[in-house]
Amino acid sequence: MKYIYIIFIVSILVCFSGCIIVKEQDDIIRKEVEYEHQFEPTQKPKIKMSDKIVRTELGDMIALIPDGWFFIEPGGTISSEIFAIAVNPDYTLSAVFSNIKKTNEIIEIVDKEGVIGLARFSFAKHTTKNSNATMIVDNYHIHNSNTQTFGVYSYTKLKRNTFGQSAVFISSMNEYYQFSLVSMNFTSNDVPNRTEFDDIFYSILTTLKF
């Protein structure tokens, strides 16, 4: 039952709905902002990472999840865009990996604006599916990590008092992907503070290769 709650919360936070059954795997108020600055590269994770690998079917993206985290497998009718979900032992954070389906509109945006345009498109899609109930809290920015380039943005859902951060990127096979770290508040466990959250988010990014 706990895993069903996890998927339900994640579905709301990341905006993919459906009738879902899961099992544990082993191994806006909308605010328009402008692209601001480019972060310095982060070379090594700040937290201990596991040897559990996230991989796309095409093999054009891999990443590691933090030590102690585990994968949950979505079933039923969850969006096919999501290909991996992992949660922490306290059930307060979820890492969600998904592809962004190409359309003529998004291809044109990316051609003009790169990953910042992809990030804008992702957030616009997010707010549309949430009836504009999401507020962006940090400016869109480019983050470089070990020669990899990401478009990053952070957001909060005021009614649910939850926080999320997403990184979008373009693989070597010109596929569009998104990694999101989202907080969950359906347990009595304390949610990590912003510093801890960022350490986890950017640590995962340092392991992400595409």
C-alpha atoms as a PDB file:
ATOM      1  CA  MET A   1       0.000   0.000   0.000  1.00  0.00           C
ATOM      2  CA  LYS A   2       2.903   2.356   0.786  1.00  0.00           C
ATOM      3  CA  TYR A   3       4.220   2.021  -2.759  1.00  0.00           C
ATOM      4  CA  ILE A   4       0.803   2.873  -4.184  1.00  0.00           C
ATOM      5  CA  TYR A   5       0.834   6.109  -2.164  1.00  0.00           C
ATOM      6  CA  ILE A   6       4.334   6.884  -3.429  1.00  0.00           C
ATOM      7  CA  ILE A   7       3.330   6.515  -7.069  1.00  0.00           C
ATOM      8  CA  PHE A   8       0.162   8.555  -6.462  1.00  0.00           C
ATOM      9  CA  ILE A   9       2.159  11.428  -4.964  1.00  0.00           C
ATOM     10  CA  VAL A  10       4.822  11.250  -7.647  1.00  0.00           C
ATOM     11  CA  SER A  11       2.176  11.220 -10.363  1.00  0.00           C
ATOM     12  CA  ILE A  12       0.716  14.459  -8.995  1.00  0.00           C
ATOM     13  CA  LEU A  13       4.082  16.148  -8.511  1.00  0.00           C
ATOM     14  CA  VAL A  14       5.520  15.223 -11.879  1.00  0.00           C
ATOM     15  CA  CYS A  15       2.192  15.450 -13.702  1.00  0.00           C
ATOM     16  CA  PHE A  16       1.630  11.985 -15.063  1.00  0.00           C
ATOM     17  CA  SER A  17      -1.634  10.339 -14.093  1.00  0.00           C
ATOM     18  CA  GLY A  18      -3.051   6.862 -14.343  1.00  0.00           C
ATOM     19  CA  CYS A  19      -4.257   3.778 -12.511  1.00  0.00           C
ATOM     20  CA  ILE A  20      -1.054   2.367 -11.067  1.00  0.00           C
ATOM     21  CA  ILE A  21       0.157  -0.708  -9.241  1.00  0.00           C
ATOM     22  CA  VAL A  22       3.777  -0.837  -8.157  1.00  0.00           C
ATOM     23  CA  LYS A  23       6.287  -3.259  -6.742  1.00  0.00           C
ATOM     24  CA  GLU A  24       9.753  -2.725  -5.329  1.00  0.00           C
ATOM     25  CA  GLN A  25      12.596  -3.668  -7.671  1.00  0.00           C
ATOM     26  CA  ASP A  26      15.754  -5.202  -6.405  1.00  0.00           C
ATOM     27  CA  ASP A  27      18.554  -4.291  -7.965  1.00  0.00           C
ATOM     28  CA  ILE A  28       1.941  28.876 -10.714  1.00  0.00           C
ATOM     29  CA  ILE A  29       0.428  30.811  -9.546  1.00  0.00           C
ATOM     30  CA  ARG A  30       2.738  30.971 -12.583  1.00  0.00           C
ATOM     31  CA  LYS A  31       5.712  33.331 -12.558  1.00  0.00           C
ATOM     32  CA  GLU A  32       7.667  34.110 -15.714  1.00  0.00           C
ATOM     33  CA  VAL A  33      11.406  34.402 -15.200  1.00  0.00           C
ATOM     34  CA  GLU A  34      14.429  34.750 -17.437  1.00  0.00           C
ATOM     35  CA  TYR A  35      17.475  32.584 -17.958  1.00  0.00           C
ATOM     36  CA  GLU A  36      20.070  33.866 -15.557  1.00  0.00           C
ATOM     37  CA  HIS A  37      23.521  32.374 -15.253  1.00  0.00           C
ATOM     38  CA  GLN A  38      25.640  29.318 -15.802  1.00  0.00           C
ATOM     39  CA  PHE A  39      26.803  27.258 -12.835  1.00  0.00           C
ATOM     40  CA  GLU A  40      30.330  25.955 -12.510  1.00  0.00           C
ATOM     41  CA  PRO A  41      30.852  22.280 -13.246  1.00  0.00           C
ATOM     42  CA  THR A  42      30.367  19.840 -10.389  1.00  0.00           C
ATOM     43  CA  GLN A  43      32.879  17.017 -10.714  1.00  0.00           C
ATOM     44  CA  LYS A  44      32.028  14.558  -7.903  1.00  0.00           C
ATOM     45  CA  PRO A  45      28.883  13.614  -5.959  1.00  0.00           C
ATOM     46  CA  LYS A  46      28.573  15.173  -2.519  1.00  0.00           C
ATOM     47  CA  ILE A  47      26.769  12.106  -1.187  1.00  0.00           C
ATOM     48  CA  LYS A  48      27.468   8.405  -1.420  1.00  0.00           C
ATOM     49  CA  MET A  49      26.031   6.843  -4.555  1.00  0.00           C
ATOM     50  CA  SER A  50      24.980   3.240  -5.090  1.00  0.00           C
ATOM     51  CA  ASP A  51      25.859   0.964  -8.000  1.00  0.00           C
ATOM     52  CA  LYS A  52      22.212   0.804  -9.112  1.00  0.00           C
ATOM     53  CA  ILE A  53      21.948   2.088 -12.659  1.00  0.00           C
ATOM     54  CA  VAL A  54      19.187   3.965 -14.475  1.00  0.00           C
ATOM     55  CA  ARG A  55      19.384   3.277 -18.202  1.00  0.00           C
ATOM     56  CA  THR A  56      17.223   4.170 -21.189  1.00  0.00           C
ATOM     57  CA  GLU A  57      16.120   1.524 -23.656  1.00  0.00           C
ATOM     58  CA  LEU A  58      18.220   3.201 -26.330  1.00  0.00           C
ATOM     59  CA  GLY A  59      21.253   3.146 -24.069  1.00  0.00           C
ATOM     60  CA  ASP A  60      21.856   6.855 -24.644  1.00  0.00           C
ATOM     61  CA  MET A  61      21.555   7.805 -20.963  1.00  0.00           C
ATOM     62  CA  ILE A  62      22.710   6.236 -17.715  1.00  0.00           C
ATOM     63  CA  ALA A  63      22.753   7.488 -14.118  1.00  0.00           C
ATOM     64  CA  LEU A  64      23.236   6.202 -10.591  1.00  0.00           C
ATOM     65  CA  ILE A  65      20.894   6.631  -7.629  1.00  0.00           C
ATOM     66  CA  PRO A  66      22.023   7.459  -4.060  1.00  0.00           C
ATOM     67  CA  ASP A  67      23.142   4.749  -1.683  1.00  0.00           C
ATOM     68  CA  GLY A  68      20.187   3.166   0.139  1.00  0.00           C
ATOM     69  CA  TRP A  69      17.630   4.285  -2.444  1.00  0.00           C
ATOM     70  CA  PHE A  70      15.602   1.724  -4.355  1.00  0.00           C
ATOM     71  CA  PHE A  71      13.614   1.544  -7.554  1.00  0.00           C
ATOM     72  CA  ILE A  72       9.873   1.108  -7.711  1.00  0.00           C
ATOM     73  CA  GLU A  73       8.297  -0.235 -10.846  1.00  0.00           C
ATOM     74  CA  PRO A  74       5.205   1.558 -12.148  1.00  0.00           C
ATOM     75  CA  GLY A  75       2.538  -0.584 -13.689  1.00  0.00           C
ATOM     76  CA  GLY A  76      -0.941  -0.068 -15.069  1.00  0.00           C
ATOM     77  CA  THR A  77      -1.476   3.009 -17.207  1.00  0.00           C
ATOM     78  CA  ILE A  78       1.178   5.437 -15.995  1.00  0.00           C
ATOM     79  CA  SER A  79       2.550   7.603 -18.783  1.00  0.00           C
ATOM     80  CA  SER A  80       5.058   5.843 -20.998  1.00  0.00           C
ATOM     81  CA  GLU A  81       7.273   8.933 -20.713  1.00  0.00           C
ATOM     82  CA  ILE A  82       8.438   7.778 -17.261  1.00  0.00           C
ATOM     83  CA  PHE A  83      11.008   5.002 -17.451  1.00  0.00           C
ATOM     84  CA  ALA A  84      12.438   4.938 -13.905  1.00  0.00           C
ATOM     85  CA  ILE A  85      11.409   6.008 -10.389  1.00  0.00           C
ATOM     86  CA  ALA A  86      13.540   5.695  -7.264  1.00  0.00           C
ATOM     87  CA  VAL A  87      12.763   6.697  -3.659  1.00  0.00           C
ATOM     88  CA  ASN A  88      14.820   7.237  -0.524  1.00  0.00           C
ATOM     89  CA  PRO A  89      14.483   4.997   2.556  1.00  0.00           C
ATOM     90  CA  ASP A  90      12.455   7.652   4.440  1.00  0.00           C
ATOM     91  CA  TYR A  91       9.936   7.976   1.593  1.00  0.00           C
ATOM     92  CA  THR A  92      10.449  11.749   1.541  1.00  0.00           C
ATOM     93  CA  LEU A  93      12.127  12.126  -1.858  1.00  0.00           C
ATOM     94  CA  SER A  94      11.581  10.605  -5.259  1.00  0.00           C
ATOM     95  CA  ALA A  95      13.844  10.675  -8.324  1.00  0.00           C
ATOM     96  CA  VAL A  96      11.889  10.444 -11.566  1.00  0.00           C
ATOM     97  CA  PHE A  97      13.441   9.882 -14.984  1.00  0.00           C
ATOM     98  CA  SER A  98      11.398  10.466 -18.133  1.00  0.00           C
ATOM     99  CA  ASN A  99      11.704  11.176 -21.808  1.00  0.00           C
ATOM    100  CA  ILE A 100      10.121  14.240 -23.397  1.00  0.00           C
ATOM    101  CA  LYS A 101       8.256  13.293 -26.536  1.00  0.00           C
ATOM    102  CA  LYS A 102       9.219  15.305 -29.566  1.00  0.00           C
ATOM    103  CA  THR A 103       6.741  17.451 -31.431  1.00  0.00           C
ATOM    104  CA  ASN A 104       7.305  20.022 -34.162  1.00  0.00           C
ATOM    105  CA  GLU A 105       6.696  22.738 -31.578  1.00  0.00           C
ATOM    106  CA  ILE A 106       9.308  21.549 -29.112  1.00  0.00           C
ATOM    107  CA  ILE A 107      11.872  20.791 -31.823  1.00  0.00           C
ATOM    108  CA  GLU A 108      11.544  24.386 -33.049  1.00  0.00           C
ATOM    109  CA  ILE A 109      11.918  25.737 -29.499  1.00  0.00           C
ATOM    110  CA  VAL A 110      15.021  23.651 -28.821  1.00  0.00           C
ATOM    111  CA  ASP A 111      16.570  24.652 -32.155  1.00  0.00           C
ATOM    112  CA  LYS A 112      16.241  28.315 -31.136  1.00  0.00           C
ATOM    113  CA  GLU A 113      16.886  28.200 -27.373  1.00  0.00           C
ATOM    114  CA  GLY A 114      18.650  24.921 -26.599  1.00  0.00           C
ATOM    115  CA  VAL A 115      18.188  23.344 -23.165  1.00  0.00           C
ATOM    116  CA  ILE A 116      16.788  26.582 -21.708  1.00  0.00           C
ATOM    117  CA  GLY A 117      13.967  26.388 -24.245  1.00  0.00           C
ATOM    118  CA  LEU A 118      13.482  22.739 -23.335  1.00  0.00           C
ATOM    119  CA  ALA A 119      13.282  23.702 -19.657  1.00  0.00           C
ATOM    120  CA  ARG A 120      10.717  26.416 -20.388  1.00  0.00           C
ATOM    121  CA  PHE A 121       8.637  23.965 -22.390  1.00  0.00           C
ATOM    122  CA  SER A 122       8.820  21.369 -19.596  1.00  0.00           C
ATOM    123  CA  PHE A 123       7.660  23.820 -16.939  1.00  0.00           C
ATOM    124  CA  ALA A 124       4.870  25.186 -19.149  1.00  0.00           C
ATOM    125  CA  LYS A 125       3.646  21.621 -19.649  1.00  0.00           C
ATOM    126  CA  HIS A 126       3.884  21.068 -15.897  1.00  0.00           C
ATOM    127  CA  THR A 127       1.797  24.126 -15.017  1.00  0.00           C
ATOM    128  CA  THR A 128      -0.824  23.356 -17.660  1.00  0.00           C
ATOM    129  CA  LYS A 129      -1.402  19.893 -16.227  1.00  0.00           C
ATOM    130  CA  ASN A 130      -1.614  21.346 -12.710  1.00  0.00           C
ATOM    131  CA  SER A 131      -4.086  24.140 -13.526  1.00  0.00           C
ATOM    132  CA  ASN A 132      -1.425  26.804 -12.934  1.00  0.00           C
ATOM    133  CA  ALA A 133      -1.070  25.727  -9.281  1.00  0.00           C
ATOM    134  CA  THR A 134       2.738  25.660  -9.473  1.00  0.00           C
ATOM    135  CA  MET A 135       5.219  28.471  -8.854  1.00  0.00           C
ATOM    136  CA  ILE A 136       8.760  28.515 -10.173  1.00  0.00           C
ATOM    137  CA  VAL A 137      11.157  29.469  -7.378  1.00  0.00           C
ATOM    138  CA  ASP A 138      14.541  29.703  -9.124  1.00  0.00           C
ATOM    139  CA  ASN A 139      15.420  31.202 -12.465  1.00  0.00           C
ATOM    140  CA  TYR A 140      16.023  28.857 -15.353  1.00  0.00           C
ATOM    141  CA  HIS A 141      19.732  28.244 -15.639  1.00  0.00           C
ATOM    142  CA  ILE A 142      22.294  26.124 -17.407  1.00  0.00           C
ATOM    143  CA  HIS A 143      24.219  23.686 -15.250  1.00  0.00           C
ATOM    144  CA  ASN A 144      27.421  22.047 -16.494  1.00  0.00           C
ATOM    145  CA  SER A 145      28.623  18.848 -14.868  1.00  0.00           C
ATOM    146  CA  ASN A 146      31.555  16.832 -16.208  1.00  0.00           C
ATOM    147  CA  THR A 147      31.091  18.134 -19.775  1.00  0.00           C
ATOM    148  CA  GLN A 148      27.330  17.474 -19.648  1.00  0.00           C
ATOM    149  CA  THR A 149      24.896  20.371 -20.071  1.00  0.00           C
ATOM    150  CA  PHE A 150      21.488  20.644 -18.392  1.00  0.00           C
ATOM    151  CA  GLY A 151      18.658  23.163 -18.285  1.00  0.00           C
ATOM    152  CA  VAL A 152      17.520  23.369 -14.654  1.00  0.00           C
ATOM    153  CA  TYR A 153      14.519  24.882 -12.868  1.00  0.00           C
ATOM    154  CA  SER A 154      12.898  24.547  -9.438  1.00  0.00           C
ATOM    155  CA  TYR A 155       9.242  24.820  -8.471  1.00  0.00           C
ATOM    156  CA  THR A 156       6.850  24.483  -5.563  1.00  0.00           C
ATOM    157  CA  LYS A 157       3.242  23.412  -5.213  1.00  0.00           C
ATOM    158  CA  LEU A 158       1.742  25.722  -2.600  1.00  0.00           C
ATOM    159  CA  LYS A 159      -1.374  23.703  -1.825  1.00  0.00           C
ATOM    160  CA  ARG A 160       0.595  20.531  -1.191  1.00  0.00           C
ATOM    161  CA  ASN A 161       3.637  22.236   0.328  1.00  0.00           C
ATOM    162  CA  THR A 162       5.959  20.217  -1.882  1.00  0.00           C
ATOM    163  CA  PHE A 163       9.091  21.129  -3.775  1.00  0.00           C
ATOM    164  CA  GLY A 164      10.638  19.847  -6.985  1.00  0.00           C
ATOM    165  CA  GLN A 165      13.641  20.446  -9.163  1.00  0.00           C
ATOM    166  CA  SER A 166      14.073  19.295 -12.748  1.00  0.00           C
ATOM    167  CA  ALA A 167      16.977  19.007 -15.168  1.00  0.00           C
ATOM    168  CA  VAL A 168      16.363  18.583 -18.881  1.00  0.00           C
ATOM    169  CA  PHE A 169      18.959  17.538 -21.410  1.00  0.00           C
ATOM    170  CA  ILE A 170      19.549  16.345 -24.962  1.00  0.00           C
ATOM    171  CA  SER A 171      21.301  13.018 -25.489  1.00  0.00           C
ATOM    172  CA  SER A 172      23.919  12.152 -28.082  1.00  0.00           C
ATOM    173  CA  MET A 173      21.105  10.539 -30.077  1.00  0.00           C
ATOM    174  CA  ASN A 174      19.205  13.866 -29.994  1.00  0.00           C
ATOM    175  CA  GLU A 175      16.551  12.528 -27.637  1.00  0.00           C
ATOM    176  CA  TYR A 176      15.041  14.816 -24.978  1.00  0.00           C
ATOM    177  CA  TYR A 177      15.039  13.680 -21.336  1.00  0.00           C
ATOM    178  CA  GLN A 178      14.147  14.975 -17.894  1.00  0.00           C
ATOM    179  CA  PHE A 179      15.309  14.078 -14.399  1.00  0.00           C
ATOM    180  CA  SER A 180      13.233  15.401 -11.495  1.00  0.00           C
ATOM    181  CA  LEU A 181      13.757  15.229  -7.746  1.00  0.00           C
ATOM    182  CA  VAL A 182      10.539  15.835  -5.828  1.00  0.00           C
ATOM    183  CA  SER A 183       9.654  15.943  -2.143  1.00  0.00           C
ATOM    184  CA  MET A 184       6.885  13.807  -0.654  1.00  0.00           C
ATOM    185  CA  ASN A 185       5.062  14.640   2.564  1.00  0.00           C
ATOM    186  CA  PHE A 186       2.681  11.750   3.200  1.00  0.00           C
ATOM    187  CA  THR A 187       4.795  10.347   6.067  1.00  0.00           C
ATOM    188  CA  SER A 188       5.828  11.870   9.418  1.00  0.00           C
ATOM    189  CA  ASN A 189       9.487  11.809   8.398  1.00  0.00           C
ATOM    190  CA  ASP A 190      11.246  15.147   7.995  1.00  0.00           C
ATOM    191  CA  VAL A 191      11.841  16.246   4.431  1.00  0.00           C
ATOM    192  CA  PRO A 192      15.477  17.180   3.703  1.00  0.00           C
ATOM    193  CA  ASN A 193      16.207  20.909   3.805  1.00  0.00           C
ATOM    194  CA  ARG A 194      17.115  22.835   0.641  1.00  0.00           C
ATOM    195  CA  THR A 195      20.860  22.338   1.071  1.00  0.00           C
ATOM    196  CA  GLU A 196      20.459  18.592   1.500  1.00  0.00           C
ATOM    197  CA  PHE A 197      17.995  18.506  -1.378  1.00  0.00           C
ATOM    198  CA  ASP A 198      20.431  20.290  -3.696  1.00  0.00           C
ATOM    199  CA  ASP A 199      23.282  18.007  -2.655  1.00  0.00           C
ATOM    200  CA  ILE A 200      21.213  14.981  -3.655  1.00  0.00           C
ATOM    201  CA  PHE A 201      19.947  16.543  -6.882  1.00  0.00           C
ATOM    202  CA  TYR A 202      23.351  17.675  -8.143  1.00  0.00           C
ATOM    203  CA  SER A 203      25.034  14.479  -6.974  1.00  0.00           C
ATOM    204  CA  ILE A 204      22.720  12.479  -9.200  1.00  0.00           C
ATOM    205  CA  LEU A 205      23.503  14.875 -12.058  1.00  0.00           C
ATOM    206  CA  THR A 206      27.232  14.195 -11.702  1.00  0.00           C
ATOM    207  CA  THR A 207      26.585  10.501 -12.430  1.00  0.00           C
ATOM    208  CA  LEU A 208      24.297  11.182 -15.375  1.00  0.00           C
ATOM    209  CA  LYS A 209      25.937  10.464 -18.714  1.00  0.00           C
ATOM    210  CA  PHE A 210      24.392  10.864 -22.159  1.00  0.00           C
END
